Amino acid sequence: MPAQQVIEQVLKSGYTQVTKLEADDGRWEGEGIKNGQKMDFHADPKTGVITSEKVDD
């Protein structure tokens, strides 16, 4: 899935902003803002669905 489509999917998941997105180890890794907090996330490369997320330290 192209990066722009992944960003669109992440935004649909409650993120208000995606500040970084890169392909790594067969998945998308990124950073963004969700509920006013900076978050790190991993997204499925085929669907763009977030597979894990955590507050960025």
Protein backbone atom coordinates (compact mmCIF):
# COMPACT_ATOMS: atom_id res chain seq x y z
CA MET A 1 0.00 0.00 0.00
CA PRO A 2 1.43 3.43 -0.91
CA ALA A 3 2.42 5.81 1.88
CA GLN A 4 -0.37 8.29 1.15
CA GLN A 5 -3.02 5.57 1.56
CA VAL A 6 -1.43 4.43 4.83
CA ILE A 7 -1.56 8.03 6.11
CA GLU A 8 -5.25 8.25 5.17
CA GLN A 9 -5.96 4.99 7.03
CA VAL A 10 -4.04 6.16 10.12
CA LEU A 11 -5.98 9.43 10.15
CA LYS A 12 -9.22 7.42 10.06
CA SER A 13 -7.98 5.57 13.16
CA GLY A 14 -8.14 8.69 15.32
CA TYR A 15 -4.85 10.39 14.55
CA THR A 16 -5.02 14.11 13.84
CA GLN A 17 -1.56 14.29 12.29
CA VAL A 18 1.11 11.93 10.92
CA THR A 19 4.56 13.44 11.40
CA LYS A 20 6.72 10.57 10.11
CA LEU A 21 6.17 7.43 8.04
CA GLU A 22 8.71 4.98 6.68
CA ALA A 23 8.83 1.39 5.49
CA ASP A 24 10.89 -0.84 7.75
CA ASP A 25 11.20 -4.63 8.06
CA GLY A 26 8.18 -5.26 5.86
CA ARG A 27 5.82 -2.91 7.69
CA TRP A 28 5.11 0.79 8.00
CA GLU A 29 6.49 2.61 11.05
CA GLY A 30 5.42 6.09 11.92
CA GLU A 31 4.82 8.85 14.40
CA GLY A 32 1.79 11.01 14.84
CA ILE A 33 -0.57 12.82 17.18
CA LYS A 34 -3.54 11.00 18.73
CA ASN A 35 -5.65 12.40 21.56
CA GLY A 36 -3.13 15.22 21.96
CA GLN A 37 -0.23 12.82 22.56
CA LYS A 38 2.76 12.01 20.38
CA MET A 39 2.52 8.34 19.44
CA ASP A 40 4.68 5.73 17.68
CA PHE A 41 2.81 3.20 15.55
CA HIS A 42 3.29 0.24 13.23
CA ALA A 43 0.87 -0.36 10.37
CA ASP A 44 0.16 -3.41 8.22
CA PRO A 45 1.85 -3.01 4.80
CA LYS A 46 -1.16 -4.35 2.87
CA THR A 47 -4.09 -2.73 4.70
CA GLY A 48 -2.62 0.27 6.51
CA VAL A 49 -4.37 -0.85 9.71
CA ILE A 50 -2.44 0.00 12.87
CA THR A 51 -1.02 -3.18 14.40
CA SER A 52 0.62 -1.57 17.44
CA GLU A 53 0.96 1.85 18.99
CA LYS A 54 2.49 3.41 22.08
CA VAL A 55 3.10 6.82 23.56
CA ASP A 56 6.38 8.24 22.25
CA ASP A 57 8.82 8.79 25.12
